[in-house]
Amino acid sequence: DPTIGLQGFQARKVAFALGLEGAAFKDMVKFLFSLYKAYEMSDSTMFE
């Protein structure tokens, strides 16, 4: 929902679905928040 942005449980859900665990899981959660920030900040329609 663009009105509230990416939530922590959503980032963790994606990282878990990718089969990550431990340090990689935590870093993927950070990665997703940073990527979403880049997407919103740059007014992109796609960031792949």
All heavy atoms as atom14 arrays in JSON, in Angstrom:
{
  "sequence": "DPTIGLQGFQARKVAFALGLEGAAFKDMVKFLFSLYKAYEMSDSTMFE",
  "atom14_mask": [
    [1, 1, 1, 1, 1, 1, 1, 1, 0, 0, 0, 0, 0, 0],
    [1, 1, 1, 1, 1, 1, 1, 0, 0, 0, 0, 0, 0, 0],
    [1, 1, 1, 1, 1, 1, 1, 0, 0, 0, 0, 0, 0, 0],
    [1, 1, 1, 1, 1, 1, 1, 1, 0, 0, 0, 0, 0, 0],
    [1, 1, 1, 1, 0, 0, 0, 0, 0, 0, 0, 0, 0, 0],
    [1, 1, 1, 1, 1, 1, 1, 1, 0, 0, 0, 0, 0, 0],
    [1, 1, 1, 1, 1, 1, 1, 1, 1, 0, 0, 0, 0, 0],
    [1, 1, 1, 1, 0, 0, 0, 0, 0, 0, 0, 0, 0, 0],
    [1, 1, 1, 1, 1, 1, 1, 1, 1, 1, 1, 0, 0, 0],
    [1, 1, 1, 1, 1, 1, 1, 1, 1, 0, 0, 0, 0, 0],
    [1, 1, 1, 1, 1, 0, 0, 0, 0, 0, 0, 0, 0, 0],
    [1, 1, 1, 1, 1, 1, 1, 1, 1, 1, 1, 0, 0, 0],
    [1, 1, 1, 1, 1, 1, 1, 1, 1, 0, 0, 0, 0, 0],
    [1, 1, 1, 1, 1, 1, 1, 0, 0, 0, 0, 0, 0, 0],
    [1, 1, 1, 1, 1, 0, 0, 0, 0, 0, 0, 0, 0, 0],
    [1, 1, 1, 1, 1, 1, 1, 1, 1, 1, 1, 0, 0, 0],
    [1, 1, 1, 1, 1, 0, 0, 0, 0, 0, 0, 0, 0, 0],
    [1, 1, 1, 1, 1, 1, 1, 1, 0, 0, 0, 0, 0, 0],
    [1, 1, 1, 1, 0, 0, 0, 0, 0, 0, 0, 0, 0, 0],
    [1, 1, 1, 1, 1, 1, 1, 1, 0, 0, 0, 0, 0, 0],
    [1, 1, 1, 1, 1, 1, 1, 1, 1, 0, 0, 0, 0, 0],
    [1, 1, 1, 1, 0, 0, 0, 0, 0, 0, 0, 0, 0, 0],
    [1, 1, 1, 1, 1, 0, 0, 0, 0, 0, 0, 0, 0, 0],
    [1, 1, 1, 1, 1, 0, 0, 0, 0, 0, 0, 0, 0, 0],
    [1, 1, 1, 1, 1, 1, 1, 1, 1, 1, 1, 0, 0, 0],
    [1, 1, 1, 1, 1, 1, 1, 1, 1, 0, 0, 0, 0, 0],
    [1, 1, 1, 1, 1, 1, 1, 1, 0, 0, 0, 0, 0, 0],
    [1, 1, 1, 1, 1, 1, 1, 1, 0, 0, 0, 0, 0, 0],
    [1, 1, 1, 1, 1, 1, 1, 0, 0, 0, 0, 0, 0, 0],
    [1, 1, 1, 1, 1, 1, 1, 1, 1, 0, 0, 0, 0, 0],
    [1, 1, 1, 1, 1, 1, 1, 1, 1, 1, 1, 0, 0, 0],
    [1, 1, 1, 1, 1, 1, 1, 1, 0, 0, 0, 0, 0, 0],
    [1, 1, 1, 1, 1, 1, 1, 1, 1, 1, 1, 0, 0, 0],
    [1, 1, 1, 1, 1, 1, 0, 0, 0, 0, 0, 0, 0, 0],
    [1, 1, 1, 1, 1, 1, 1, 1, 0, 0, 0, 0, 0, 0],
    [1, 1, 1, 1, 1, 1, 1, 1, 1, 1, 1, 1, 0, 0],
    [1, 1, 1, 1, 1, 1, 1, 1, 1, 0, 0, 0, 0, 0],
    [1, 1, 1, 1, 1, 0, 0, 0, 0, 0, 0, 0, 0, 0],
    [1, 1, 1, 1, 1, 1, 1, 1, 1, 1, 1, 1, 0, 0],
    [1, 1, 1, 1, 1, 1, 1, 1, 1, 0, 0, 0, 0, 0],
    [1, 1, 1, 1, 1, 1, 1, 1, 0, 0, 0, 0, 0, 0],
    [1, 1, 1, 1, 1, 1, 0, 0, 0, 0, 0, 0, 0, 0],
    [1, 1, 1, 1, 1, 1, 1, 1, 0, 0, 0, 0, 0, 0],
    [1, 1, 1, 1, 1, 1, 0, 0, 0, 0, 0, 0, 0, 0],
    [1, 1, 1, 1, 1, 1, 1, 0, 0, 0, 0, 0, 0, 0],
    [1, 1, 1, 1, 1, 1, 1, 1, 0, 0, 0, 0, 0, 0],
    [1, 1, 1, 1, 1, 1, 1, 1, 1, 1, 1, 0, 0, 0],
    [1, 1, 1, 1, 1, 1, 1, 1, 1, 0, 0, 0, 0, 0]
  ],
  "atom14_positions": [
    [[0.86, -1.18, 0.0], [0.0, 0.0, 0.0], [0.9, 1.24, 0.0], [1.65, 1.46, 0.95], [-0.89, -0.01, 1.24], [-1.9, 1.14, 1.25], [-1.67, 2.14, 0.54], [-2.89, 1.04, 1.97], [0.0, 0.0, 0.0], [0.0, 0.0, 0.0], [0.0, 0.0, 0.0], [0.0, 0.0, 0.0], [0.0, 0.0, 0.0], [0.0, 0.0, 0.0]],
    [[0.86, 2.05, -1.06], [1.78, 3.19, -1.13], [1.54, 4.25, -0.05], [2.41, 5.08, 0.2], [1.53, 3.77, -2.54], [0.17, 3.29, -2.91], [0.0, 1.96, -2.25], [0.0, 0.0, 0.0], [0.0, 0.0, 0.0], [0.0, 0.0, 0.0], [0.0, 0.0, 0.0], [0.0, 0.0, 0.0], [0.0, 0.0, 0.0], [0.0, 0.0, 0.0]],
    [[0.37, 4.21, 0.57], [0.09, 5.21, 1.62], [0.84, 4.9, 2.92], [1.06, 5.8, 3.73], [-1.42, 5.3, 1.91], [-1.89, 4.03, 2.37], [-2.18, 5.71, 0.66], [0.0, 0.0, 0.0], [0.0, 0.0, 0.0], [0.0, 0.0, 0.0], [0.0, 0.0, 0.0], [0.0, 0.0, 0.0], [0.0, 0.0, 0.0], [0.0, 0.0, 0.0]],
    [[1.2, 3.64, 3.13], [1.92, 3.29, 4.36], [3.31, 2.71, 4.07], [4.14, 2.62, 4.97], [1.11, 2.3, 5.23], [0.84, 0.99, 4.46], [-0.19, 2.93, 5.69], [0.18, -0.08, 5.3], [0.0, 0.0, 0.0], [0.0, 0.0, 0.0], [0.0, 0.0, 0.0], [0.0, 0.0, 0.0], [0.0, 0.0, 0.0], [0.0, 0.0, 0.0]],
    [[3.57, 2.34, 2.82], [4.89, 1.86, 2.44], [5.15, 0.42, 2.85], [4.29, -0.28, 3.4], [0.0, 0.0, 0.0], [0.0, 0.0, 0.0], [0.0, 0.0, 0.0], [0.0, 0.0, 0.0], [0.0, 0.0, 0.0], [0.0, 0.0, 0.0], [0.0, 0.0, 0.0], [0.0, 0.0, 0.0], [0.0, 0.0, 0.0], [0.0, 0.0, 0.0]],
    [[6.37, -0.03, 2.59], [6.78, -1.39, 2.9], [6.83, -1.59, 4.41], [7.43, -0.8, 5.14], [8.16, -1.66, 2.28], [8.81, -3.02, 2.58], [7.97, -4.16, 2.02], [10.23, -3.05, 2.02], [0.0, 0.0, 0.0], [0.0, 0.0, 0.0], [0.0, 0.0, 0.0], [0.0, 0.0, 0.0], [0.0, 0.0, 0.0], [0.0, 0.0, 0.0]],
    [[6.2, -2.66, 4.88], [6.19, -2.97, 6.31], [7.19, -4.08, 6.63], [7.53, -4.91, 5.77], [4.78, -3.4, 6.73], [3.71, -2.34, 6.51], [3.96, -1.09, 7.33], [3.91, -1.12, 8.56], [4.24, 0.02, 6.65], [0.0, 0.0, 0.0], [0.0, 0.0, 0.0], [0.0, 0.0, 0.0], [0.0, 0.0, 0.0], [0.0, 0.0, 0.0]],
    [[7.63, -4.11, 7.88], [8.63, -5.08, 8.29], [8.2, -6.52, 8.05], [9.0, -7.34, 7.59], [0.0, 0.0, 0.0], [0.0, 0.0, 0.0], [0.0, 0.0, 0.0], [0.0, 0.0, 0.0], [0.0, 0.0, 0.0], [0.0, 0.0, 0.0], [0.0, 0.0, 0.0], [0.0, 0.0, 0.0], [0.0, 0.0, 0.0], [0.0, 0.0, 0.0]],
    [[6.95, -6.83, 8.36], [6.49, -8.21, 8.2], [6.51, -8.62, 6.72], [6.73, -9.8, 6.4], [5.1, -8.4, 8.8], [3.96, -7.88, 7.97], [3.32, -8.7, 7.05], [3.53, -6.56, 8.1], [2.26, -8.22, 6.28], [2.49, -6.08, 7.33], [1.85, -6.9, 6.42], [0.0, 0.0, 0.0], [0.0, 0.0, 0.0], [0.0, 0.0, 0.0]],
    [[6.3, -7.64, 5.8], [6.31, -7.96, 4.38], [7.74, -8.25, 3.9], [7.95, -9.2, 3.13], [5.73, -6.79, 3.58], [4.24, -6.55, 3.82], [3.73, -5.33, 3.07], [4.25, -4.22, 3.26], [2.72, -5.53, 2.25], [0.0, 0.0, 0.0], [0.0, 0.0, 0.0], [0.0, 0.0, 0.0], [0.0, 0.0, 0.0], [0.0, 0.0, 0.0]],
    [[8.71, -7.46, 4.37], [10.1, -7.7, 3.99], [10.56, -9.06, 4.52], [11.25, -9.82, 3.81], [10.99, -6.59, 4.53], [0.0, 0.0, 0.0], [0.0, 0.0, 0.0], [0.0, 0.0, 0.0], [0.0, 0.0, 0.0], [0.0, 0.0, 0.0], [0.0, 0.0, 0.0], [0.0, 0.0, 0.0], [0.0, 0.0, 0.0], [0.0, 0.0, 0.0]],
    [[10.18, -9.38, 5.76], [10.56, -10.68, 6.34], [9.9, -11.83, 5.58], [10.5, -12.89, 5.37], [10.19, -10.72, 7.82], [11.03, -9.77, 8.69], [10.81, -10.01, 10.16], [9.47, -9.63, 10.59], [9.11, -8.42, 10.98], [10.0, -7.44, 10.99], [7.87, -8.17, 11.36], [0.0, 0.0, 0.0], [0.0, 0.0, 0.0], [0.0, 0.0, 0.0]],
    [[8.66, -11.62, 5.16], [7.92, -12.64, 4.41], [8.64, -12.96, 3.09], [8.79, -14.14, 2.72], [6.5, -12.14, 4.13], [5.61, -13.1, 3.37], [4.22, -12.48, 3.18], [3.33, -13.36, 2.33], [1.99, -12.72, 2.1], [0.0, 0.0, 0.0], [0.0, 0.0, 0.0], [0.0, 0.0, 0.0], [0.0, 0.0, 0.0], [0.0, 0.0, 0.0]],
    [[9.1, -11.93, 2.38], [9.79, -12.13, 1.11], [11.14, -12.82, 1.35], [11.5, -13.77, 0.64], [10.0, -10.79, 0.38], [10.89, -10.97, -0.85], [8.66, -10.19, -0.03], [0.0, 0.0, 0.0], [0.0, 0.0, 0.0], [0.0, 0.0, 0.0], [0.0, 0.0, 0.0], [0.0, 0.0, 0.0], [0.0, 0.0, 0.0], [0.0, 0.0, 0.0]],
    [[11.88, -12.36, 2.35], [13.19, -12.96, 2.65], [13.05, -14.44, 3.01], [13.85, -15.28, 2.6], [13.87, -12.19, 3.78], [0.0, 0.0, 0.0], [0.0, 0.0, 0.0], [0.0, 0.0, 0.0], [0.0, 0.0, 0.0], [0.0, 0.0, 0.0], [0.0, 0.0, 0.0], [0.0, 0.0, 0.0], [0.0, 0.0, 0.0], [0.0, 0.0, 0.0]],
    [[12.01, -14.76, 3.78], [11.76, -16.15, 4.17], [11.4, -16.99, 2.94], [11.88, -18.13, 2.79], [10.64, -16.21, 5.2], [10.33, -17.6, 5.68], [11.13, -18.22, 6.62], [9.23, -18.3, 5.17], [10.85, -19.52, 7.06], [8.95, -19.59, 5.6], [9.75, -20.2, 6.55], [0.0, 0.0, 0.0], [0.0, 0.0, 0.0], [0.0, 0.0, 0.0]],
    [[10.56, -16.43, 2.05], [10.15, -17.15, 0.85], [11.32, -17.42, -0.08], [11.29, -18.37, -0.87], [9.06, -16.37, 0.11], [0.0, 0.0, 0.0], [0.0, 0.0, 0.0], [0.0, 0.0, 0.0], [0.0, 0.0, 0.0], [0.0, 0.0, 0.0], [0.0, 0.0, 0.0], [0.0, 0.0, 0.0], [0.0, 0.0, 0.0], [0.0, 0.0, 0.0]],
    [[12.37, -16.61, 0.0], [13.57, -16.81, -0.81], [14.49, -17.87, -0.21], [15.55, -18.16, -0.77], [14.32, -15.49, -0.97], [13.65, -14.45, -1.89], [14.37, -13.11, -1.79], [13.63, -14.93, -3.34], [0.0, 0.0, 0.0], [0.0, 0.0, 0.0], [0.0, 0.0, 0.0], [0.0, 0.0, 0.0], [0.0, 0.0, 0.0], [0.0, 0.0, 0.0]],
    [[14.11, -18.42, 0.94], [14.88, -19.5, 1.55], [16.1, -19.04, 2.31], [17.01, -19.84, 2.55], [0.0, 0.0, 0.0], [0.0, 0.0, 0.0], [0.0, 0.0, 0.0], [0.0, 0.0, 0.0], [0.0, 0.0, 0.0], [0.0, 0.0, 0.0], [0.0, 0.0, 0.0], [0.0, 0.0, 0.0], [0.0, 0.0, 0.0], [0.0, 0.0, 0.0]],
    [[16.13, -17.78, 2.71], [17.3, -17.25, 3.4], [17.15, -17.43, 4.91], [16.04, -17.5, 5.45], [17.47, -15.77, 3.06], [17.69, -15.46, 1.58], [17.7, -13.96, 1.34], [18.98, -16.09, 1.08], [0.0, 0.0, 0.0], [0.0, 0.0, 0.0], [0.0, 0.0, 0.0], [0.0, 0.0, 0.0], [0.0, 0.0, 0.0], [0.0, 0.0, 0.0]],
    [[18.28, -17.46, 5.59], [18.27, -17.59, 7.05], [19.5, -16.91, 7.63], [20.45, -16.58, 6.91], [18.22, -19.06, 7.46], [19.33, -19.91, 6.87], [19.17, -21.39, 7.17], [18.05, -21.85, 7.42], [20.2, -22.09, 7.13], [0.0, 0.0, 0.0], [0.0, 0.0, 0.0], [0.0, 0.0, 0.0], [0.0, 0.0, 0.0], [0.0, 0.0, 0.0]],
    [[19.46, -16.71, 8.92], [20.6, -16.12, 9.62], [20.96, -14.73, 9.14], [20.1, -13.88, 8.9], [0.0, 0.0, 0.0], [0.0, 0.0, 0.0], [0.0, 0.0, 0.0], [0.0, 0.0, 0.0], [0.0, 0.0, 0.0], [0.0, 0.0, 0.0], [0.0, 0.0, 0.0], [0.0, 0.0, 0.0], [0.0, 0.0, 0.0], [0.0, 0.0, 0.0]],
    [[22.27, -14.49, 8.95], [22.77, -13.18, 8.55], [22.24, -12.77, 7.18], [21.93, -11.59, 6.94], [24.29, -13.17, 8.55], [0.0, 0.0, 0.0], [0.0, 0.0, 0.0], [0.0, 0.0, 0.0], [0.0, 0.0, 0.0], [0.0, 0.0, 0.0], [0.0, 0.0, 0.0], [0.0, 0.0, 0.0], [0.0, 0.0, 0.0], [0.0, 0.0, 0.0]],
    [[22.11, -13.74, 6.27], [21.59, -13.44, 4.92], [20.14, -12.99, 4.98], [19.73, -12.08, 4.25], [21.73, -14.67, 4.02], [0.0, 0.0, 0.0], [0.0, 0.0, 0.0], [0.0, 0.0, 0.0], [0.0, 0.0, 0.0], [0.0, 0.0, 0.0], [0.0, 0.0, 0.0], [0.0, 0.0, 0.0], [0.0, 0.0, 0.0], [0.0, 0.0, 0.0]],
    [[19.36, -13.62, 5.86], [17.95, -13.22, 6.04], [17.86, -11.76, 6.5], [17.11, -10.96, 5.95], [17.29, -14.15, 7.06], [15.85, -13.84, 7.35], [14.83, -14.45, 6.65], [15.52, -12.92, 8.34], [13.5, -14.16, 6.92], [14.2, -12.61, 8.62], [13.18, -13.23, 7.9], [0.0, 0.0, 0.0], [0.0, 0.0, 0.0], [0.0, 0.0, 0.0]],
    [[18.65, -11.43, 7.52], [18.62, -10.06, 8.06], [19.08, -9.05, 7.02], [18.52, -7.95, 6.91], [19.52, -9.98, 9.3], [19.0, -10.78, 10.49], [19.95, -10.68, 11.68], [19.46, -11.51, 12.86], [20.42, -11.47, 13.99], [0.0, 0.0, 0.0], [0.0, 0.0, 0.0], [0.0, 0.0, 0.0], [0.0, 0.0, 0.0], [0.0, 0.0, 0.0]],
    [[20.12, -9.42, 6.25], [20.63, -8.49, 5.25], [19.64, -8.31, 4.1], [19.55, -7.22, 3.52], [21.98, -8.96, 4.72], [22.9, -7.81, 4.34], [22.82, -6.75, 5.0], [23.69, -7.95, 3.39], [0.0, 0.0, 0.0], [0.0, 0.0, 0.0], [0.0, 0.0, 0.0], [0.0, 0.0, 0.0], [0.0, 0.0, 0.0], [0.0, 0.0, 0.0]],
    [[18.89, -9.37, 3.76], [17.88, -9.24, 2.72], [16.76, -8.3, 3.15], [16.25, -7.52, 2.35], [17.31, -10.61, 2.35], [16.15, -10.56, 1.35], [16.56, -9.73, -0.22], [17.46, -11.01, -1.07], [0.0, 0.0, 0.0], [0.0, 0.0, 0.0], [0.0, 0.0, 0.0], [0.0, 0.0, 0.0], [0.0, 0.0, 0.0], [0.0, 0.0, 0.0]],
    [[16.37, -8.36, 4.42], [15.34, -7.45, 4.93], [15.81, -6.0, 4.77], [15.07, -5.13, 4.29], [15.0, -7.76, 6.4], [14.09, -6.68, 6.99], [14.32, -9.13, 6.51], [0.0, 0.0, 0.0], [0.0, 0.0, 0.0], [0.0, 0.0, 0.0], [0.0, 0.0, 0.0], [0.0, 0.0, 0.0], [0.0, 0.0, 0.0], [0.0, 0.0, 0.0]],
    [[17.08, -5.74, 5.15], [17.65, -4.39, 4.97], [17.68, -4.01, 3.49], [17.38, -2.88, 3.12], [19.07, -4.33, 5.56], [19.14, -4.46, 7.07], [20.59, -4.42, 7.53], [20.72, -4.63, 9.03], [22.15, -4.67, 9.45], [0.0, 0.0, 0.0], [0.0, 0.0, 0.0], [0.0, 0.0, 0.0], [0.0, 0.0, 0.0], [0.0, 0.0, 0.0]],
    [[18.08, -4.97, 2.66], [18.17, -4.74, 1.22], [16.81, -4.33, 0.65], [16.72, -3.39, -0.14], [18.66, -6.02, 0.54], [18.68, -5.97, -0.97], [19.81, -5.54, -1.64], [17.57, -6.36, -1.71], [19.84, -5.5, -3.03], [17.58, -6.31, -3.1], [18.72, -5.88, -3.76], [0.0, 0.0, 0.0], [0.0, 0.0, 0.0], [0.0, 0.0, 0.0]],
    [[15.75, -5.03, 1.05], [14.41, -4.73, 0.53], [13.95, -3.33, 0.93], [13.36, -2.61, 0.11], [13.41, -5.78, 1.03], [13.59, -7.2, 0.43], [12.73, -8.2, 1.18], [13.25, -7.2, -1.05], [0.0, 0.0, 0.0], [0.0, 0.0, 0.0], [0.0, 0.0, 0.0], [0.0, 0.0, 0.0], [0.0, 0.0, 0.0], [0.0, 0.0, 0.0]],
    [[14.23, -2.94, 2.16], [13.86, -1.58, 2.58], [14.66, -0.53, 1.81], [14.11, 0.5, 1.41], [14.08, -1.42, 4.09], [12.9, -1.85, 4.92], [12.93, -3.05, 5.62], [11.76, -1.07, 4.99], [11.85, -3.46, 6.37], [10.67, -1.47, 5.75], [10.71, -2.67, 6.44], [0.0, 0.0, 0.0], [0.0, 0.0, 0.0], [0.0, 0.0, 0.0]],
    [[15.94, -0.8, 1.58], [16.78, 0.16, 0.84], [16.35, 0.23, -0.63], [16.3, 1.32, -1.22], [18.25, -0.25, 0.93], [18.72, -0.19, 2.26], [0.0, 0.0, 0.0], [0.0, 0.0, 0.0], [0.0, 0.0, 0.0], [0.0, 0.0, 0.0], [0.0, 0.0, 0.0], [0.0, 0.0, 0.0], [0.0, 0.0, 0.0], [0.0, 0.0, 0.0]],
    [[16.03, -0.92, -1.21], [15.57, -0.95, -2.6], [14.25, -0.21, -2.75], [14.07, 0.58, -3.69], [15.42, -2.39, -3.08], [14.8, -2.59, -4.47], [15.65, -1.91, -5.54], [14.65, -4.08, -4.78], [0.0, 0.0, 0.0], [0.0, 0.0, 0.0], [0.0, 0.0, 0.0], [0.0, 0.0, 0.0], [0.0, 0.0, 0.0], [0.0, 0.0, 0.0]],
    [[13.33, -0.44, -1.81], [12.03, 0.24, -1.89], [12.2, 1.75, -1.71], [11.52, 2.54, -2.36], [11.07, -0.32, -0.83], [9.65, 0.15, -1.02], [8.83, -0.43, -1.98], [9.12, 1.21, -0.28], [7.53, 0.0, -2.19], [7.83, 1.64, -0.47], [7.04, 1.04, -1.43], [5.76, 1.49, -1.64], [0.0, 0.0, 0.0], [0.0, 0.0, 0.0]],
    [[13.14, 2.14, -0.86], [13.44, 3.57, -0.68], [13.94, 4.17, -1.99], [13.52, 5.27, -2.38], [14.49, 3.74, 0.42], [14.91, 5.19, 0.66], [16.01, 5.26, 1.72], [16.5, 6.69, 1.91], [17.61, 6.76, 2.91], [0.0, 0.0, 0.0], [0.0, 0.0, 0.0], [0.0, 0.0, 0.0], [0.0, 0.0, 0.0], [0.0, 0.0, 0.0]],
    [[14.84, 3.45, -2.68], [15.37, 3.93, -3.96], [14.24, 4.06, -4.99], [14.18, 5.03, -5.75], [16.45, 2.98, -4.47], [0.0, 0.0, 0.0], [0.0, 0.0, 0.0], [0.0, 0.0, 0.0], [0.0, 0.0, 0.0], [0.0, 0.0, 0.0], [0.0, 0.0, 0.0], [0.0, 0.0, 0.0], [0.0, 0.0, 0.0], [0.0, 0.0, 0.0]],
    [[13.36, 3.08, -5.02], [12.22, 3.07, -5.95], [11.32, 4.28, -5.71], [10.95, 5.0, -6.65], [11.44, 1.77, -5.76], [10.1, 1.72, -6.45], [9.98, 1.39, -7.79], [8.93, 1.98, -5.74], [8.75, 1.33, -8.42], [7.69, 1.92, -6.34], [7.6, 1.6, -7.69], [6.38, 1.55, -8.3], [0.0, 0.0, 0.0], [0.0, 0.0, 0.0]],
    [[10.97, 4.53, -4.46], [10.07, 5.65, -4.13], [10.77, 6.99, -4.31], [10.21, 7.92, -4.89], [9.57, 5.52, -2.69], [8.39, 4.6, -2.53], [7.61, 4.91, -1.26], [8.24, 5.2, -0.22], [6.36, 4.88, -1.31], [0.0, 0.0, 0.0], [0.0, 0.0, 0.0], [0.0, 0.0, 0.0], [0.0, 0.0, 0.0], [0.0, 0.0, 0.0]],
    [[11.99, 7.1, -3.82], [12.72, 8.37, -3.86], [12.97, 8.84, -5.28], [12.94, 10.04, -5.57], [14.03, 8.2, -3.09], [14.91, 9.45, -3.02], [16.09, 9.5, -4.38], [17.16, 8.12, -4.0], [0.0, 0.0, 0.0], [0.0, 0.0, 0.0], [0.0, 0.0, 0.0], [0.0, 0.0, 0.0], [0.0, 0.0, 0.0], [0.0, 0.0, 0.0]],
    [[13.19, 7.89, -6.19], [13.51, 8.24, -7.57], [12.28, 8.39, -8.46], [12.41, 8.7, -9.64], [14.45, 7.19, -8.17], [13.84, 5.91, -8.19], [0.0, 0.0, 0.0], [0.0, 0.0, 0.0], [0.0, 0.0, 0.0], [0.0, 0.0, 0.0], [0.0, 0.0, 0.0], [0.0, 0.0, 0.0], [0.0, 0.0, 0.0], [0.0, 0.0, 0.0]],
    [[11.1, 8.17, -7.9], [9.86, 8.2, -8.69], [9.94, 7.25, -9.88], [9.63, 7.6, -11.02], [9.54, 9.62, -9.18], [8.93, 10.49, -8.09], [8.03, 9.99, -7.39], [9.36, 11.64, -7.93], [0.0, 0.0, 0.0], [0.0, 0.0, 0.0], [0.0, 0.0, 0.0], [0.0, 0.0, 0.0], [0.0, 0.0, 0.0], [0.0, 0.0, 0.0]],
    [[10.37, 6.03, -9.6], [10.48, 5.02, -10.65], [9.15, 4.29, -10.83], [8.33, 4.24, -9.93], [11.56, 3.98, -10.3], [12.82, 4.59, -10.17], [0.0, 0.0, 0.0], [0.0, 0.0, 0.0], [0.0, 0.0, 0.0], [0.0, 0.0, 0.0], [0.0, 0.0, 0.0], [0.0, 0.0, 0.0], [0.0, 0.0, 0.0], [0.0, 0.0, 0.0]],
    [[8.98, 3.7, -12.01], [7.86, 2.79, -12.22], [8.35, 1.35, -12.17], [7.54, 0.42, -12.09], [7.18, 3.05, -13.58], [8.14, 2.94, -14.63], [6.57, 4.45, -13.61], [0.0, 0.0, 0.0], [0.0, 0.0, 0.0], [0.0, 0.0, 0.0], [0.0, 0.0, 0.0], [0.0, 0.0, 0.0], [0.0, 0.0, 0.0], [0.0, 0.0, 0.0]],
    [[9.66, 1.16, -12.21], [10.25, -0.17, -12.08], [11.7, -0.04, -11.61], [12.44, 0.81, -12.09], [10.23, -0.93, -13.41], [10.82, -2.33, -13.32], [11.06, -3.12, -14.91], [12.52, -2.25, -15.49], [0.0, 0.0, 0.0], [0.0, 0.0, 0.0], [0.0, 0.0, 0.0], [0.0, 0.0, 0.0], [0.0, 0.0, 0.0], [0.0, 0.0, 0.0]],
    [[12.07, -0.87, -10.65], [13.46, -0.97, -10.19], [13.76, -2.46, -10.04], [13.32, -3.09, -9.09], [13.66, -0.24, -8.86], [14.93, 0.55, -8.79], [14.91, 1.91, -8.49], [16.16, -0.05, -9.02], [16.08, 2.66, -8.43], [17.33, 0.69, -8.96], [17.3, 2.04, -8.67], [0.0, 0.0, 0.0], [0.0, 0.0, 0.0], [0.0, 0.0, 0.0]],
    [[14.46, -3.0, -11.01], [14.67, -4.45, -11.09], [16.14, -4.79, -10.87], [17.02, -4.21, -11.5], [14.22, -4.93, -12.47], [14.33, -6.43, -12.68], [13.91, -6.83, -14.09], [14.7, -6.61, -15.04], [12.8, -7.35, -14.23], [0.0, 0.0, 0.0], [0.0, 0.0, 0.0], [0.0, 0.0, 0.0], [0.0, 0.0, 0.0], [0.0, 0.0, 0.0]]
  ]
}
